[in-house]
PDB file of N, CA and C in Angstrom:
ATOM      1  N   MET A   1      -1.853 -26.113   9.058  1.00  0.00           N
ATOM      2  CA  MET A   1      -3.259 -25.754   9.094  1.00  0.00           C
ATOM      3  C   MET A   1      -4.063 -27.033   8.923  1.00  0.00           C
ATOM      4  N   LEU A   2      -5.113 -27.116   9.687  1.00  0.00           N
ATOM      5  CA  LEU A   2      -5.965 -28.294   9.651  1.00  0.00           C
ATOM      6  C   LEU A   2      -7.406 -27.849   9.434  1.00  0.00           C
ATOM      7  N   LEU A   3      -8.074 -28.439   8.468  1.00  0.00           N
ATOM      8  CA  LEU A   3      -9.472 -28.122   8.215  1.00  0.00           C
ATOM      9  C   LEU A   3     -10.328 -28.829   9.257  1.00  0.00           C
ATOM     10  N   GLN A   4     -11.121 -28.072   9.985  1.00  0.00           N
ATOM     11  CA  GLN A   4     -12.005 -28.615  11.005  1.00  0.00           C
ATOM     12  C   GLN A   4     -13.450 -28.370  10.604  1.00  0.00           C
ATOM     13  N   LYS A   5     -14.326 -29.261  11.002  1.00  0.00           N
ATOM     14  CA  LYS A   5     -15.746 -29.122  10.715  1.00  0.00           C
ATOM     15  C   LYS A   5     -16.471 -28.633  11.971  1.00  0.00           C
ATOM     16  N   VAL A   6     -17.395 -27.720  11.785  1.00  0.00           N
ATOM     17  CA  VAL A   6     -18.223 -27.241  12.886  1.00  0.00           C
ATOM     18  C   VAL A   6     -19.319 -28.278  13.117  1.00  0.00           C
ATOM     19  N   PHE A   7     -19.491 -28.676  14.383  1.00  0.00           N
ATOM     20  CA  PHE A   7     -20.537 -29.633  14.711  1.00  0.00           C
ATOM     21  C   PHE A   7     -21.321 -29.126  15.915  1.00  0.00           C
ATOM     22  N   THR A   8     -22.439 -29.755  16.205  1.00  0.00           N
ATOM     23  CA  THR A   8     -23.325 -29.291  17.270  1.00  0.00           C
ATOM     24  C   THR A   8     -23.242 -30.219  18.475  1.00  0.00           C
ATOM     25  N   VAL A   9     -23.134 -29.612  19.654  1.00  0.00           N
ATOM     26  CA  VAL A   9     -23.209 -30.328  20.924  1.00  0.00           C
ATOM     27  C   VAL A   9     -24.241 -29.579  21.748  1.00  0.00           C
ATOM     28  N   GLY A  10     -25.368 -30.222  22.008  1.00  0.00           N
ATOM     29  CA  GLY A  10     -26.456 -29.538  22.710  1.00  0.00           C
ATOM     30  C   GLY A  10     -26.959 -28.404  21.849  1.00  0.00           C
ATOM     31  N   ASN A  11     -26.974 -27.187  22.398  1.00  0.00           N
ATOM     32  CA  ASN A  11     -27.430 -26.010  21.656  1.00  0.00           C
ATOM     33  C   ASN A  11     -26.270 -25.178  21.115  1.00  0.00           C
ATOM     34  N   SER A  12     -25.048 -25.698  21.188  1.00  0.00           N
ATOM     35  CA  SER A  12     -23.872 -24.928  20.781  1.00  0.00           C
ATOM     36  C   SER A  12     -23.208 -25.523  19.552  1.00  0.00           C
ATOM     37  N   ASP A  13     -22.696 -24.657  18.704  1.00  0.00           N
ATOM     38  CA  ASP A  13     -21.848 -25.091  17.593  1.00  0.00           C
ATOM     39  C   ASP A  13     -20.417 -25.163  18.124  1.00  0.00           C
ATOM     40  N   VAL A  14     -19.694 -26.207  17.740  1.00  0.00           N
ATOM     41  CA  VAL A  14     -18.396 -26.504  18.327  1.00  0.00           C
ATOM     42  C   VAL A  14     -17.371 -26.785  17.238  1.00  0.00           C
ATOM     43  N   VAL A  15     -16.111 -26.392  17.505  1.00  0.00           N
ATOM     44  CA  VAL A  15     -14.976 -26.757  16.665  1.00  0.00           C
ATOM     45  C   VAL A  15     -13.942 -27.366  17.592  1.00  0.00           C
ATOM     46  N   ALA A  16     -13.440 -28.537  17.247  1.00  0.00           N
ATOM     47  CA  ALA A  16     -12.417 -29.188  18.071  1.00  0.00           C
ATOM     48  C   ALA A  16     -11.074 -28.487  17.884  1.00  0.00           C
ATOM     49  N   ILE A  17     -10.325 -28.366  18.969  1.00  0.00           N
ATOM     50  CA  ILE A  17      -8.986 -27.777  18.909  1.00  0.00           C
ATOM     51  C   ILE A  17      -7.988 -28.926  18.782  1.00  0.00           C
ATOM     52  N   PRO A  18      -7.210 -28.948  17.702  1.00  0.00           N
ATOM     53  CA  PRO A  18      -6.242 -30.031  17.509  1.00  0.00           C
ATOM     54  C   PRO A  18      -5.215 -30.088  18.650  1.00  0.00           C
ATOM     55  N   SER A  19      -4.732 -31.285  18.967  1.00  0.00           N
ATOM     56  CA  SER A  19      -3.814 -31.463  20.095  1.00  0.00           C
ATOM     57  C   SER A  19      -2.524 -30.668  19.941  1.00  0.00           C
ATOM     58  N   ASP A  20      -1.999 -30.531  18.723  1.00  0.00           N
ATOM     59  CA  ASP A  20      -0.759 -29.756  18.563  1.00  0.00           C
ATOM     60  C   ASP A  20      -0.984 -28.276  18.869  1.00  0.00           C
ATOM     61  N   VAL A  21      -2.172 -27.762  18.545  1.00  0.00           N
ATOM     62  CA  VAL A  21      -2.498 -26.362  18.864  1.00  0.00           C
ATOM     63  C   VAL A  21      -2.658 -26.202  20.371  1.00  0.00           C
ATOM     64  N   LYS A  22      -3.304 -27.157  21.007  1.00  0.00           N
ATOM     65  CA  LYS A  22      -3.453 -27.104  22.467  1.00  0.00           C
ATOM     66  C   LYS A  22      -2.092 -27.131  23.141  1.00  0.00           C
ATOM     67  N   LYS A  23      -1.196 -27.965  22.638  1.00  0.00           N
ATOM     68  CA  LYS A  23       0.143 -28.072  23.225  1.00  0.00           C
ATOM     69  C   LYS A  23       0.903 -26.754  23.079  1.00  0.00           C
ATOM     70  N   LYS A  24       0.854 -26.157  21.884  1.00  0.00           N
ATOM     71  CA  LYS A  24       1.574 -24.902  21.629  1.00  0.00           C
ATOM     72  C   LYS A  24       1.036 -23.750  22.467  1.00  0.00           C
ATOM     73  N   THR A  25      -0.283 -23.709  22.658  1.00  0.00           N
ATOM     74  CA  THR A  25      -0.907 -22.573  23.345  1.00  0.00           C
ATOM     75  C   THR A  25      -1.098 -22.790  24.839  1.00  0.00           C
ATOM     76  N   GLY A  26      -1.008 -24.045  25.272  1.00  0.00           N
ATOM     77  CA  GLY A  26      -1.229 -24.331  26.676  1.00  0.00           C
ATOM     78  C   GLY A  26      -2.700 -24.402  27.049  1.00  0.00           C
ATOM     79  N   ILE A  27      -3.575 -24.386  26.051  1.00  0.00           N
ATOM     80  CA  ILE A  27      -5.010 -24.517  26.309  1.00  0.00           C
ATOM     81  C   ILE A  27      -5.311 -26.003  26.530  1.00  0.00           C
ATOM     82  N   SER A  28      -6.081 -26.288  27.567  1.00  0.00           N
ATOM     83  CA  SER A  28      -6.444 -27.675  27.849  1.00  0.00           C
ATOM     84  C   SER A  28      -7.885 -27.733  28.346  1.00  0.00           C
ATOM     85  N   LYS A  29      -8.374 -28.931  28.542  1.00  0.00           N
ATOM     86  CA  LYS A  29      -9.739 -29.124  29.036  1.00  0.00           C
ATOM     87  C   LYS A  29      -9.915 -28.313  30.320  1.00  0.00           C
ATOM     88  N   GLY A  30     -10.962 -27.511  30.355  1.00  0.00           N
ATOM     89  CA  GLY A  30     -11.231 -26.680  31.521  1.00  0.00           C
ATOM     90  C   GLY A  30     -10.640 -25.279  31.445  1.00  0.00           C
ATOM     91  N   SER A  31      -9.793 -25.016  30.431  1.00  0.00           N
ATOM     92  CA  SER A  31      -9.213 -23.669  30.278  1.00  0.00           C
ATOM     93  C   SER A  31     -10.310 -22.665  29.939  1.00  0.00           C
ATOM     94  N   ASN A  32     -10.175 -21.458  30.462  1.00  0.00           N
ATOM     95  CA  ASN A  32     -11.050 -20.362  30.069  1.00  0.00           C
ATOM     96  C   ASN A  32     -10.408 -19.646  28.892  1.00  0.00           C
ATOM     97  N   VAL A  33     -11.178 -19.403  27.851  1.00  0.00           N
ATOM     98  CA  VAL A  33     -10.670 -18.695  26.678  1.00  0.00           C
ATOM     99  C   VAL A  33     -11.670 -17.621  26.268  1.00  0.00           C
ATOM    100  N   TYR A  34     -11.165 -16.604  25.576  1.00  0.00           N
ATOM    101  CA  TYR A  34     -11.993 -15.554  25.009  1.00  0.00           C
ATOM    102  C   TYR A  34     -12.152 -15.850  23.526  1.00  0.00           C
ATOM    103  N   ILE A  35     -13.335 -15.599  22.991  1.00  0.00           N
ATOM    104  CA  ILE A  35     -13.609 -15.843  21.585  1.00  0.00           C
ATOM    105  C   ILE A  35     -14.198 -14.571  20.985  1.00  0.00           C
ATOM    106  N   TYR A  36     -13.595 -14.124  19.890  1.00  0.00           N
ATOM    107  CA  TYR A  36     -14.120 -12.932  19.211  1.00  0.00           C
ATOM    108  C   TYR A  36     -13.759 -12.980  17.740  1.00  0.00           C
ATOM    109  N   ALA A  37     -14.431 -12.151  16.953  1.00  0.00           N
ATOM    110  CA  ALA A  37     -14.197 -12.080  15.513  1.00  0.00           C
ATOM    111  C   ALA A  37     -13.057 -11.114  15.225  1.00  0.00           C
ATOM    112  N   SER A  38     -12.307 -11.387  14.168  1.00  0.00           N
ATOM    113  CA  SER A  38     -11.239 -10.478  13.745  1.00  0.00           C
ATOM    114  C   SER A  38     -11.859  -9.180  13.249  1.00  0.00           C
ATOM    115  N   GLU A  39     -11.009  -8.178  13.055  1.00  0.00           N
ATOM    116  CA  GLU A  39     -11.473  -6.868  12.604  1.00  0.00           C
ATOM    117  C   GLU A  39     -12.290  -6.960  11.314  1.00  0.00           C
ATOM    118  N   ASP A  40     -11.878  -7.835  10.391  1.00  0.00           N
ATOM    119  CA  ASP A  40     -12.567  -7.960   9.104  1.00  0.00           C
ATOM    120  C   ASP A  40     -13.695  -8.997   9.132  1.00  0.00           C
ATOM    121  N   ASN A  41     -13.952  -9.555  10.317  1.00  0.00           N
ATOM    122  CA  ASN A  41     -15.008 -10.562  10.501  1.00  0.00           C
ATOM    123  C   ASN A  41     -14.823 -11.806   9.636  1.00  0.00           C
ATOM    124  N   GLN A  42     -13.586 -12.104   9.254  1.00  0.00           N
ATOM    125  CA  GLN A  42     -13.303 -13.272   8.428  1.00  0.00           C
ATOM    126  C   GLN A  42     -12.674 -14.407   9.229  1.00  0.00           C
ATOM    127  N   SER A  43     -12.286 -14.121  10.467  1.00  0.00           N
ATOM    128  CA  SER A  43     -11.615 -15.120  11.301  1.00  0.00           C
ATOM    129  C   SER A  43     -12.196 -15.102  12.704  1.00  0.00           C
ATOM    130  N   ILE A  44     -12.151 -16.252  13.329  1.00  0.00           N
ATOM    131  CA  ILE A  44     -12.517 -16.368  14.739  1.00  0.00           C
ATOM    132  C   ILE A  44     -11.218 -16.490  15.519  1.00  0.00           C
ATOM    133  N   ILE A  45     -11.084 -15.692  16.549  1.00  0.00           N
ATOM    134  CA  ILE A  45      -9.869 -15.695  17.350  1.00  0.00           C
ATOM    135  C   ILE A  45     -10.197 -16.263  18.722  1.00  0.00           C
ATOM    136  N   ILE A  46      -9.424 -17.255  19.128  1.00  0.00           N
ATOM    137  CA  ILE A  46      -9.553 -17.849  20.453  1.00  0.00           C
ATOM    138  C   ILE A  46      -8.285 -17.481  21.196  1.00  0.00           C
ATOM    139  N   SER A  47      -8.437 -16.835  22.343  1.00  0.00           N
ATOM    140  CA  SER A  47      -7.276 -16.322  23.062  1.00  0.00           C
ATOM    141  C   SER A  47      -7.376 -16.634  24.541  1.00  0.00           C
ATOM    142  N   LYS A  48      -6.223 -16.833  25.170  1.00  0.00           N
ATOM    143  CA  LYS A  48      -6.203 -17.018  26.619  1.00  0.00           C
ATOM    144  C   LYS A  48      -6.306 -15.684  27.335  1.00  0.00           C
ATOM    145  N   THR A  49      -6.125 -14.591  26.596  1.00  0.00           N
ATOM    146  CA  THR A  49      -6.186 -13.265  27.207  1.00  0.00           C
ATOM    147  C   THR A  49      -7.274 -12.434  26.548  1.00  0.00           C
ATOM    148  N   LYS A  50      -7.741 -11.458  27.288  1.00  0.00           N
ATOM    149  CA  LYS A  50      -8.786 -10.565  26.794  1.00  0.00           C
ATOM    150  C   LYS A  50      -8.269  -9.739  25.629  1.00  0.00           C
ATOM    151  N   LYS A  51      -9.123  -9.478  24.656  1.00  0.00           N
ATOM    152  CA  LYS A  51      -8.757  -8.636  23.515  1.00  0.00           C
ATOM    153  C   LYS A  51      -8.433  -7.243  24.020  1.00  0.00           C
ATOM    154  N   GLN A  52      -7.328  -6.707  23.533  1.00  0.00           N
ATOM    155  CA  GLN A  52      -6.900  -5.379  23.939  1.00  0.00           C
ATOM    156  C   GLN A  52      -7.518  -4.330  23.026  1.00  0.00           C
ATOM    157  N   SER A  53      -7.651  -3.122  23.547  1.00  0.00           N
ATOM    158  CA  SER A  53      -8.200  -2.039  22.734  1.00  0.00           C
ATOM    159  C   SER A  53      -7.174  -1.618  21.691  1.00  0.00           C
ATOM    160  N   LYS A  54      -7.628  -0.916  20.671  1.00  0.00           N
ATOM    161  CA  LYS A  54      -6.738  -0.449  19.607  1.00  0.00           C
ATOM    162  C   LYS A  54      -5.660   0.475  20.144  1.00  0.00           C
ATOM    163  N   ASN A  55      -5.921   1.136  21.261  1.00  0.00           N
ATOM    164  CA  ASN A  55      -4.962   2.077  21.819  1.00  0.00           C
ATOM    165  C   ASN A  55      -3.973   1.414  22.774  1.00  0.00           C
ATOM    166  N   ASP A  56      -4.072   0.122  22.970  1.00  0.00           N
ATOM    167  CA  ASP A  56      -3.200  -0.599  23.879  1.00  0.00           C
ATOM    168  C   ASP A  56      -1.815  -0.764  23.257  1.00  0.00           C
ATOM    169  N   ALA A  57      -0.793  -0.413  24.003  1.00  0.00           N
ATOM    170  CA  ALA A  57       0.584  -0.484  23.497  1.00  0.00           C
ATOM    171  C   ALA A  57       1.018  -1.907  23.201  1.00  0.00           C
ATOM    172  N   SER A  58       0.368  -2.914  23.784  1.00  0.00           N
ATOM    173  CA  SER A  58       0.786  -4.299  23.546  1.00  0.00           C
ATOM    174  C   SER A  58       0.523  -4.728  22.107  1.00  0.00           C
ATOM    175  N   GLN A  59      -0.260  -3.963  21.365  1.00  0.00           N
ATOM    176  CA  GLN A  59      -0.536  -4.306  19.972  1.00  0.00           C
ATOM    177  C   GLN A  59       0.480  -3.687  19.021  1.00  0.00           C
ATOM    178  N   LEU A  60       1.456  -2.961  19.549  1.00  0.00           N
ATOM    179  CA  LEU A  60       2.480  -2.364  18.707  1.00  0.00           C
ATOM    180  C   LEU A  60       3.522  -3.421  18.359  1.00  0.00           C
ATOM    181  N   SER A  61       4.048  -3.332  17.158  1.00  0.00           N
ATOM    182  CA  SER A  61       5.063  -4.296  16.754  1.00  0.00           C
ATOM    183  C   SER A  61       6.347  -4.050  17.543  1.00  0.00           C
ATOM    184  N   PRO A  62       7.122  -5.101  17.795  1.00  0.00           N
ATOM    185  CA  PRO A  62       8.390  -4.927  18.508  1.00  0.00           C
ATOM    186  C   PRO A  62       9.334  -3.961  17.782  1.00  0.00           C
ATOM    187  N   GLU A  63       9.280  -3.969  16.453  1.00  0.00           N
ATOM    188  CA  GLU A  63      10.129  -3.066  15.678  1.00  0.00           C
ATOM    189  C   GLU A  63       9.768  -1.604  15.943  1.00  0.00           C
ATOM    190  N   PHE A  64       8.458  -1.322  15.994  1.00  0.00           N
ATOM    191  CA  PHE A  64       8.026   0.047  16.256  1.00  0.00           C
ATOM    192  C   PHE A  64       8.399   0.474  17.675  1.00  0.00           C
ATOM    193  N   VAL A  65       8.204  -0.421  18.634  1.00  0.00           N
ATOM    194  CA  VAL A  65       8.544  -0.102  20.020  1.00  0.00           C
ATOM    195  C   VAL A  65      10.032   0.214  20.121  1.00  0.00           C
ATOM    196  N   LYS A  66      10.867  -0.568  19.457  1.00  0.00           N
ATOM    197  CA  LYS A  66      12.320  -0.314  19.452  1.00  0.00           C
ATOM    198  C   LYS A  66      12.618   1.044  18.818  1.00  0.00           C
ATOM    199  N   TRP A  67      11.988   1.337  17.689  1.00  0.00           N
ATOM    200  CA  TRP A  67      12.186   2.632  17.035  1.00  0.00           C
ATOM    201  C   TRP A  67      11.785   3.765  17.966  1.00  0.00           C
ATOM    202  N   LEU A  68      10.645   3.615  18.630  1.00  0.00           N
ATOM    203  CA  LEU A  68      10.149   4.654  19.534  1.00  0.00           C
ATOM    204  C   LEU A  68      11.099   4.863  20.708  1.00  0.00           C
ATOM    205  N   GLU A  69      11.634   3.773  21.261  1.00  0.00           N
ATOM    206  CA  GLU A  69      12.601   3.897  22.350  1.00  0.00           C
ATOM    207  C   GLU A  69      13.848   4.648  21.875  1.00  0.00           C
ATOM    208  N   ASP A  70      14.350   4.279  20.704  1.00  0.00           N
ATOM    209  CA  ASP A  70      15.521   4.964  20.148  1.00  0.00           C
ATOM    210  C   ASP A  70      15.233   6.450  19.920  1.00  0.00           C
ATOM    211  N   PHE A  71      14.059   6.750  19.363  1.00  0.00           N
ATOM    212  CA  PHE A  71      13.660   8.144  19.116  1.00  0.00           C
ATOM    213  C   PHE A  71      13.614   8.916  20.431  1.00  0.00           C
ATOM    214  N   ASN A  72      12.986   8.318  21.441  1.00  0.00           N
ATOM    215  CA  ASN A  72      12.878   8.995  22.733  1.00  0.00           C
ATOM    216  C   ASN A  72      14.237   9.199  23.379  1.00  0.00           C
ATOM    217  N   ASN A  73      15.133   8.223  23.225  1.00  0.00           N
ATOM    218  CA  ASN A  73      16.486   8.384  23.768  1.00  0.00           C
ATOM    219  C   ASN A  73      17.221   9.517  23.066  1.00  0.00           C
ATOM    220  N   MET A  74      17.011   9.636  21.773  1.00  0.00           N
ATOM    221  CA  MET A  74      17.714  10.639  20.989  1.00  0.00           C
ATOM    222  C   MET A  74      17.098  12.042  21.133  1.00  0.00           C
ATOM    223  N   TYR A  75      15.771  12.112  21.077  1.00  0.00           N
ATOM    224  CA  TYR A  75      15.086  13.409  20.988  1.00  0.00           C
ATOM    225  C   TYR A  75      14.128  13.695  22.148  1.00  0.00           C
ATOM    226  N   GLY A  76      14.109  12.831  23.158  1.00  0.00           N
ATOM    227  CA  GLY A  76      13.153  12.979  24.258  1.00  0.00           C
ATOM    228  C   GLY A  76      13.205  14.326  24.942  1.00  0.00           C
ATOM    229  N   GLU A  77      14.416  14.767  25.283  1.00  0.00           N
ATOM    230  CA  GLU A  77      14.554  16.057  25.966  1.00  0.00           C
ATOM    231  C   GLU A  77      14.052  17.192  25.088  1.00  0.00           C
ATOM    232  N   ALA A  78      14.376  17.157  23.814  1.00  0.00           N
ATOM    233  CA  ALA A  78      13.918  18.202  22.891  1.00  0.00           C
ATOM    234  C   ALA A  78      12.390  18.193  22.790  1.00  0.00           C
ATOM    235  N   MET A  79      11.794  17.011  22.766  1.00  0.00           N
ATOM    236  CA  MET A  79      10.336  16.915  22.683  1.00  0.00           C
ATOM    237  C   MET A  79       9.677  17.495  23.927  1.00  0.00           C
ATOM    238  N   VAL A  80      10.271  17.246  25.094  1.00  0.00           N
ATOM    239  CA  VAL A  80       9.741  17.804  26.334  1.00  0.00           C
ATOM    240  C   VAL A  80       9.828  19.333  26.291  1.00  0.00           C
ATOM    241  N   GLU A  81      10.956  19.859  25.842  1.00  0.00           N
ATOM    242  CA  GLU A  81      11.119  21.312  25.734  1.00  0.00           C
ATOM    243  C   GLU A  81      10.121  21.907  24.750  1.00  0.00           C
ATOM    244  N   LEU A  82       9.934  21.252  23.610  1.00  0.00           N
ATOM    245  CA  LEU A  82       8.965  21.735  22.622  1.00  0.00           C
ATOM    246  C   LEU A  82       7.550  21.735  23.173  1.00  0.00           C
ATOM    247  N   SER A  83       7.219  20.744  24.002  1.00  0.00           N
ATOM    248  CA  SER A  83       5.862  20.664  24.540  1.00  0.00           C
ATOM    249  C   SER A  83       5.570  21.795  25.525  1.00  0.00           C
ATOM    250  N   LYS A  84       6.623  22.408  26.062  1.00  0.00           N
ATOM    251  CA  LYS A  84       6.459  23.497  27.013  1.00  0.00           C
ATOM    252  C   LYS A  84       6.221  24.837  26.336  1.00  0.00           C
ATOM    253  N   LYS A  85       6.447  24.914  25.020  1.00  0.00           N
ATOM    254  CA  LYS A  85       6.325  26.187  24.304  1.00  0.00           C
ATOM    255  C   LYS A  85       4.961  26.390  23.728  1.00  0.00           C
TER     256      LYS A  85
END
């Protein structure tokens, strides 16, 4: 973690992205990024991809997805039958 200072360029407040973070994320000069506040408004998130909705499956943990796949493999047919009743 690196402490960065917010500074002004023109009419915008700016934070520099450290080179190691740019290398890890693939963000470089000219990259388009999305910027939004975390759910608790305590963090700023910079992302190469658009923020997903709460209902988006990509926000599920890999462990939960694995559990759900196992559950569906084990009980999927029974669940389909139950849904018909």
